[in-house]
Amino acid sequence: MNNKPESLRIVFMGTPEFAVTILDGLVKASYNIVGVITAPDRPAGRGRKLRASAVKEYALENSLRVLQPTNLKNEDFIEELQSLNANLQIVVAFRMLPKLVWQMPKYGTFNLHASLLPNYRGAAPINWAIINGENETGVTTFFIDEKIDTGHIIDFKKIAIEPDETAGDLHDKLMILGKELVLDTVDDIENGTVTTTPQPEINDIRTAFKIHKDTCKINWTTSIDTIYNLIRGLSPYPGAWCNLLNGEDQGILKIYEVEKDIVNHNIAAGTIFVEHKQIKVAVKDGVIVLKNLQLPGKKRMRANDLLNGYEFKENAFVS
């Protein structure tokens, strides 16, 4: 764009807390948000009562118009969206849009993605960056096209991944970084100075596949770094897990926080034992120290609290 565009009328699309921070940044920067599109209310909790998304709650608190379509191609929704007369759409942690939606505004529809594209396209970029042992990631804005996370890049910001950082820690850092990047991108669009570049073709591209239950299962026969990265890459949600056998106690053990200790030993991988008031699991190149865990049928606990009232038998192990 070479000419300064008309005053922006923005439709924002998003659902989780991550998106709220970006929407809040736009509101506090006094951008004109003419509509917010978010997921329909979902049953949640033991009572299965309908619960609004984090974005909806924020939008209502700030008197923003909310749309909650179940079908993004529905004629009534399309008419309502057109009636907002938006000239820019911003997408953060939402679902794939049909072409008639993302092509609607004059200045396009851009997405904020929590990775340095083209790597980690997909549903869980924050988790996979840590699971794969990356030491750097970032956020990217790009204009949406027909495929998932493949559009031309507008801008990006990089950030280091600390060696002991969890997915939750990184999520919060990228949320703030993402807000800054979206505001920069909107500013460029508003001033008519935005530029784009095609995503480079990479042969060994890394993908952020959706996290399934099997993804979260710990294989105690792999390397200590693989196990360590998997656990922190799934913490606090959805959580890494394994099978625990401790005498008569057996079931799924969930693990949220660990330390790794590279030491020589001759203990079989998967053996769980207590040493120096620490819960440890032997692996082939050291031990994993369990710091925060959840026993089958119990609440999540710190390891030292657990040891006050729970005993691991001599032949306890995880698999």
Protein backbone atom coordinates (compact mmCIF):
# COMPACT_ATOMS: atom_id res chain seq x y z
CA MET A 1 0.00 0.00 0.00
CA ASN A 2 1.36 3.39 -0.97
CA ASN A 3 -1.52 5.64 0.06
CA LYS A 4 -2.73 6.24 3.58
CA PRO A 5 -6.02 4.30 3.91
CA GLU A 6 -9.28 5.56 5.29
CA SER A 7 -10.03 5.35 9.00
CA LEU A 8 -9.89 1.73 10.12
CA ARG A 9 -13.00 -0.20 11.13
CA ILE A 10 -11.77 -3.45 12.65
CA VAL A 11 -13.45 -6.81 13.24
CA PHE A 12 -11.50 -8.91 15.74
CA MET A 13 -11.75 -12.72 15.78
CA GLY A 14 -10.47 -14.83 18.68
CA THR A 15 -11.45 -17.06 21.57
CA PRO A 16 -8.90 -17.77 24.38
CA GLU A 17 -7.08 -15.62 26.91
CA PHE A 18 -4.15 -15.24 24.51
CA ALA A 19 -6.45 -13.32 22.16
CA VAL A 20 -7.84 -11.13 24.96
CA THR A 21 -4.46 -9.48 25.53
CA ILE A 22 -4.23 -8.52 21.86
CA LEU A 23 -7.82 -7.23 21.78
CA ASP A 24 -7.17 -5.23 24.94
CA GLY A 25 -4.12 -3.68 23.30
CA LEU A 26 -6.22 -2.55 20.34
CA VAL A 27 -8.94 -1.13 22.59
CA LYS A 28 -6.44 0.77 24.75
CA ALA A 29 -4.80 2.13 21.60
CA SER A 30 -8.24 3.56 20.70
CA TYR A 31 -8.73 1.58 17.50
CA ASN A 32 -12.32 1.35 16.30
CA ILE A 33 -13.42 -2.25 16.98
CA VAL A 34 -16.80 -2.54 15.23
CA GLY A 35 -17.31 -6.22 16.04
CA VAL A 36 -15.84 -9.20 17.86
CA ILE A 37 -16.33 -12.73 16.57
CA THR A 38 -15.74 -15.60 18.98
CA ALA A 39 -16.75 -19.20 19.61
CA PRO A 40 -20.26 -20.08 20.84
CA ASP A 41 -20.66 -20.61 24.58
CA ARG A 42 -19.58 -24.13 25.58
CA PRO A 43 -20.63 -26.45 28.43
CA ALA A 44 -17.93 -26.49 31.09
CA GLY A 45 -17.31 -27.70 34.64
CA ARG A 46 -19.09 -30.41 36.59
CA GLY A 47 -22.49 -28.81 36.08
CA ARG A 48 -21.86 -28.50 32.34
CA LYS A 49 -23.19 -24.95 32.42
CA LEU A 50 -22.64 -22.82 29.34
CA ARG A 51 -19.49 -20.73 29.63
CA ALA A 52 -18.55 -17.77 27.45
CA SER A 53 -15.11 -17.55 25.89
CA ALA A 54 -12.51 -15.26 27.44
CA VAL A 55 -12.80 -12.98 24.41
CA LYS A 56 -16.59 -12.73 24.74
CA GLU A 57 -16.34 -11.85 28.43
CA TYR A 58 -13.84 -9.10 27.65
CA ALA A 59 -15.89 -7.78 24.72
CA LEU A 60 -19.07 -7.53 26.78
CA GLU A 61 -17.23 -5.80 29.62
CA ASN A 62 -16.05 -3.21 27.10
CA SER A 63 -19.40 -2.80 25.29
CA LEU A 64 -18.17 -4.33 22.04
CA ARG A 65 -20.59 -5.99 19.64
CA VAL A 66 -20.24 -9.79 19.77
CA LEU A 67 -21.05 -12.37 17.09
CA GLN A 68 -20.90 -16.10 17.84
CA PRO A 69 -21.54 -18.02 14.63
CA THR A 70 -21.61 -21.81 14.64
CA ASN A 71 -21.22 -21.81 10.85
CA LEU A 72 -18.98 -19.18 9.26
CA LYS A 73 -20.70 -19.69 5.89
CA ASN A 74 -24.21 -19.14 7.24
CA GLU A 75 -26.04 -16.49 5.19
CA ASP A 76 -27.38 -14.64 8.23
CA PHE A 77 -23.89 -14.43 9.71
CA ILE A 78 -22.39 -13.22 6.42
CA GLU A 79 -25.05 -10.50 6.16
CA GLU A 80 -24.44 -9.41 9.75
CA LEU A 81 -20.68 -9.36 9.18
CA GLN A 82 -21.11 -7.27 6.02
CA SER A 83 -23.34 -4.85 7.90
CA LEU A 84 -20.44 -3.99 10.21
CA ASN A 85 -18.73 -2.39 7.21
CA ALA A 86 -15.27 -3.36 8.47
CA ASN A 87 -12.25 -2.65 6.29
CA LEU A 88 -9.78 -4.78 8.31
CA GLN A 89 -10.08 -8.10 10.14
CA ILE A 90 -7.64 -9.40 12.73
CA VAL A 91 -7.54 -13.09 13.71
CA VAL A 92 -5.88 -14.42 16.87
CA ALA A 93 -6.35 -18.04 17.98
CA PHE A 94 -9.57 -18.62 16.07
CA ARG A 95 -10.59 -21.18 13.46
CA MET A 96 -9.98 -21.42 9.72
CA LEU A 97 -12.01 -18.84 7.80
CA PRO A 98 -13.84 -19.41 4.52
CA LYS A 99 -12.64 -17.33 1.60
CA LEU A 100 -15.77 -15.17 1.46
CA VAL A 101 -15.01 -14.06 5.04
CA TRP A 102 -11.27 -13.36 4.86
CA GLN A 103 -11.58 -11.62 1.49
CA MET A 104 -14.38 -9.34 2.68
CA PRO A 105 -12.55 -6.29 4.11
CA LYS A 106 -10.83 -3.74 1.87
CA TYR A 107 -7.49 -3.97 3.66
CA GLY A 108 -7.60 -7.73 4.11
CA THR A 109 -7.54 -10.12 7.06
CA PHE A 110 -4.34 -10.76 8.95
CA ASN A 111 -3.53 -13.42 11.52
CA LEU A 112 -1.18 -13.44 14.49
CA HIS A 113 0.62 -16.78 14.80
CA ALA A 114 2.78 -17.80 17.77
CA SER A 115 5.82 -18.99 15.83
CA LEU A 116 8.38 -17.79 13.34
CA LEU A 117 6.69 -18.86 10.12
CA PRO A 118 6.96 -20.97 8.05
CA ASN A 119 8.05 -23.23 10.93
CA TYR A 120 5.38 -24.47 13.33
CA ARG A 121 2.33 -23.86 11.22
CA GLY A 122 -0.62 -25.48 12.92
CA ALA A 123 -2.58 -25.75 16.13
CA ALA A 124 0.09 -25.96 18.87
CA PRO A 125 3.17 -23.90 17.95
CA ILE A 126 4.11 -22.97 21.52
CA ASN A 127 4.04 -26.57 22.74
CA TRP A 128 5.99 -27.99 19.82
CA ALA A 129 8.74 -25.37 19.93
CA ILE A 130 9.58 -26.51 23.47
CA ILE A 131 8.95 -30.23 22.85
CA ASN A 132 11.44 -30.08 19.95
CA GLY A 133 14.05 -28.32 22.08
CA GLU A 134 14.13 -25.03 20.19
CA ASN A 135 16.06 -22.15 21.77
CA GLU A 136 14.24 -19.44 19.81
CA THR A 137 10.71 -18.72 18.64
CA GLY A 138 8.52 -15.66 18.11
CA VAL A 139 5.32 -14.29 16.66
CA THR A 140 4.37 -13.54 13.06
CA THR A 141 1.63 -11.53 11.39
CA PHE A 142 0.54 -12.56 7.91
CA PHE A 143 -2.34 -12.00 5.52
CA ILE A 144 -4.64 -15.03 5.39
CA ASP A 145 -4.97 -17.07 2.20
CA GLU A 146 -6.60 -20.38 1.22
CA LYS A 147 -4.27 -22.62 3.24
CA ILE A 148 -3.44 -22.81 6.95
CA ASP A 149 -0.73 -20.35 8.09
CA THR A 150 0.78 -19.97 4.60
CA GLY A 151 -0.02 -16.36 3.67
CA HIS A 152 2.46 -13.58 2.96
CA ILE A 153 4.33 -12.41 6.05
CA ILE A 154 3.80 -8.85 7.21
CA ASP A 155 6.14 -8.73 10.20
CA PHE A 156 7.62 -10.84 13.02
CA LYS A 157 9.35 -10.57 16.38
CA LYS A 158 11.80 -13.09 17.87
CA ILE A 159 12.29 -14.22 21.46
CA ALA A 160 14.62 -16.68 23.21
CA ILE A 161 13.29 -19.84 24.84
CA GLU A 162 14.94 -20.34 28.22
CA PRO A 163 16.25 -23.85 29.04
CA ASP A 164 13.79 -24.36 31.93
CA GLU A 165 10.81 -22.56 30.40
CA THR A 166 7.42 -24.29 30.21
CA ALA A 167 4.76 -23.87 27.55
CA GLY A 168 2.80 -21.78 30.05
CA ASP A 169 5.74 -19.45 30.63
CA LEU A 170 6.35 -19.05 26.90
CA HIS A 171 2.64 -18.56 26.20
CA ASP A 172 2.58 -15.53 28.51
CA LYS A 173 5.70 -14.00 26.96
CA LEU A 174 4.43 -14.50 23.41
CA MET A 175 1.06 -13.03 24.37
CA ILE A 176 2.74 -9.72 25.26
CA LEU A 177 5.06 -9.86 22.26
CA GLY A 178 2.07 -10.62 20.03
CA LYS A 179 0.21 -7.57 21.28
CA GLU A 180 3.19 -5.38 20.35
CA LEU A 181 3.44 -6.95 16.90
CA VAL A 182 -0.28 -6.60 16.14
CA LEU A 183 -0.20 -2.93 17.13
CA ASP A 184 2.84 -2.38 14.89
CA THR A 185 1.08 -4.17 12.02
CA VAL A 186 -2.14 -2.20 12.39
CA ASP A 187 -0.12 1.00 12.57
CA ASP A 188 1.58 0.14 9.26
CA ILE A 189 -1.77 -0.64 7.63
CA GLU A 190 -3.27 2.58 8.97
CA ASN A 191 -0.34 4.60 7.64
CA GLY A 192 -0.28 2.84 4.27
CA THR A 193 3.28 1.59 4.84
CA VAL A 194 2.64 -2.13 5.18
CA THR A 195 4.80 -4.49 3.11
CA THR A 196 4.69 -8.28 2.76
CA THR A 197 7.00 -11.11 1.77
CA PRO A 198 6.11 -14.66 0.67
CA GLN A 199 6.94 -17.39 3.16
CA PRO A 200 10.19 -19.13 2.18
CA GLU A 201 10.15 -22.71 0.96
CA ILE A 202 11.88 -24.97 3.51
CA ASN A 203 12.50 -28.70 2.95
CA ASP A 204 12.67 -29.72 6.62
CA ILE A 205 9.82 -27.53 7.84
CA ARG A 206 8.64 -28.26 11.40
CA THR A 207 4.89 -28.53 11.94
CA ALA A 208 2.81 -27.78 15.04
CA PHE A 209 0.43 -30.72 14.91
CA LYS A 210 -2.62 -30.78 17.15
CA ILE A 211 -1.80 -32.25 20.56
CA HIS A 212 -3.53 -35.59 21.21
CA LYS A 213 -3.49 -37.81 24.29
CA ASP A 214 -0.90 -40.12 22.72
CA THR A 215 1.36 -37.11 22.08
CA CYS A 216 1.46 -36.51 25.83
CA LYS A 217 2.58 -40.01 26.87
CA ILE A 218 6.12 -40.13 28.23
CA ASN A 219 8.45 -42.77 26.82
CA TRP A 220 10.95 -43.30 29.63
CA THR A 221 13.37 -45.16 27.33
CA THR A 222 14.16 -42.03 25.27
CA SER A 223 16.90 -39.51 26.08
CA ILE A 224 16.75 -37.34 29.18
CA ASP A 225 16.46 -34.19 27.05
CA THR A 226 13.56 -35.64 25.02
CA ILE A 227 11.66 -36.49 28.22
CA TYR A 228 12.48 -33.16 29.87
CA ASN A 229 11.38 -31.13 26.83
CA LEU A 230 8.15 -33.11 26.43
CA ILE A 231 7.12 -32.51 30.04
CA ARG A 232 7.81 -28.76 30.03
CA GLY A 233 6.33 -28.43 26.53
CA LEU A 234 3.01 -29.81 27.83
CA SER A 235 2.93 -27.89 31.11
CA PRO A 236 0.56 -26.70 32.45
CA TYR A 237 -1.81 -27.96 29.76
CA PRO A 238 -2.63 -30.61 28.69
CA GLY A 239 0.09 -32.22 30.83
CA ALA A 240 2.45 -35.11 30.16
CA TRP A 241 1.43 -38.50 31.54
CA CYS A 242 2.54 -42.09 32.02
CA ASN A 243 1.36 -45.27 33.72
CA LEU A 244 2.29 -45.69 37.38
CA LEU A 245 2.63 -49.03 39.14
CA ASN A 246 3.33 -48.70 42.87
CA GLY A 247 2.32 -51.85 44.71
CA GLU A 248 -1.47 -51.96 44.54
CA ASP A 249 -1.66 -48.37 43.29
CA GLN A 250 -1.79 -48.12 39.52
CA GLY A 251 -3.16 -45.69 37.01
CA ILE A 252 -2.23 -42.55 35.11
CA LEU A 253 0.39 -40.28 36.64
CA LYS A 254 0.47 -36.71 35.29
CA ILE A 255 3.70 -34.72 35.55
CA TYR A 256 3.89 -30.92 35.29
CA GLU A 257 7.29 -29.83 36.54
CA VAL A 258 10.63 -31.62 36.60
CA GLU A 259 14.36 -31.11 36.79
CA LYS A 260 16.93 -33.21 34.98
CA ASP A 261 20.14 -34.57 36.43
CA ILE A 262 22.68 -36.19 34.13
CA VAL A 263 24.37 -38.87 36.24
CA ASN A 264 25.70 -42.39 35.74
CA HIS A 265 23.70 -45.24 37.25
CA ASN A 266 22.70 -48.85 36.56
CA ILE A 267 19.00 -48.52 37.41
CA ALA A 268 16.43 -49.69 34.88
CA ALA A 269 14.73 -46.89 32.93
CA GLY A 270 11.33 -46.09 34.41
CA THR A 271 12.20 -47.07 37.97
CA ILE A 272 10.75 -44.53 40.40
CA PHE A 273 12.42 -44.03 43.77
CA VAL A 274 12.88 -41.49 46.57
CA GLU A 275 16.34 -40.14 47.33
CA HIS A 276 17.29 -37.14 49.49
CA LYS A 277 13.57 -36.31 49.86
CA GLN A 278 13.19 -36.10 46.09
CA ILE A 279 11.04 -38.26 43.80
CA LYS A 280 13.20 -39.49 40.94
CA VAL A 281 12.71 -41.54 37.79
CA ALA A 282 15.70 -43.32 36.25
CA VAL A 283 16.33 -42.81 32.55
CA LYS A 284 19.15 -44.09 30.42
CA ASP A 285 21.40 -41.02 30.76
CA GLY A 286 20.43 -39.71 34.20
CA VAL A 287 17.40 -39.11 36.39
CA ILE A 288 14.29 -36.96 36.08
CA VAL A 289 13.37 -35.30 39.37
CA LEU A 290 9.59 -34.91 39.77
CA LYS A 291 8.68 -31.54 41.30
CA ASN A 292 4.95 -31.19 40.58
CA LEU A 293 2.71 -34.16 39.80
CA GLN A 294 -0.74 -35.67 40.07
CA LEU A 295 -1.29 -39.22 41.30
CA PRO A 296 -4.19 -41.29 39.92
CA GLY A 297 -7.45 -39.95 41.32
CA LYS A 298 -5.69 -37.24 43.36
CA LYS A 299 -5.13 -33.51 43.13
CA ARG A 300 -2.02 -31.97 41.63
CA MET A 301 0.67 -31.56 44.32
CA ARG A 302 4.22 -30.44 44.95
CA ALA A 303 6.52 -33.44 45.42
CA ASN A 304 7.59 -32.52 48.96
CA ASP A 305 3.95 -32.21 50.03
CA LEU A 306 3.14 -35.57 48.47
CA LEU A 307 5.95 -37.31 50.35
CA ASN A 308 4.47 -36.20 53.67
CA GLY A 309 1.70 -38.77 53.28
CA TYR A 310 2.54 -41.10 50.40
CA GLU A 311 5.07 -43.89 50.02
CA PHE A 312 6.67 -45.26 46.87
CA LYS A 313 7.37 -49.01 47.14
CA GLU A 314 10.71 -50.57 46.40
CA ASN A 315 9.59 -51.86 42.98
CA ALA A 316 7.62 -48.77 41.88
CA PHE A 317 8.00 -47.86 38.23
CA VAL A 318 6.45 -45.85 35.41
CA SER A 319 5.89 -46.82 31.79
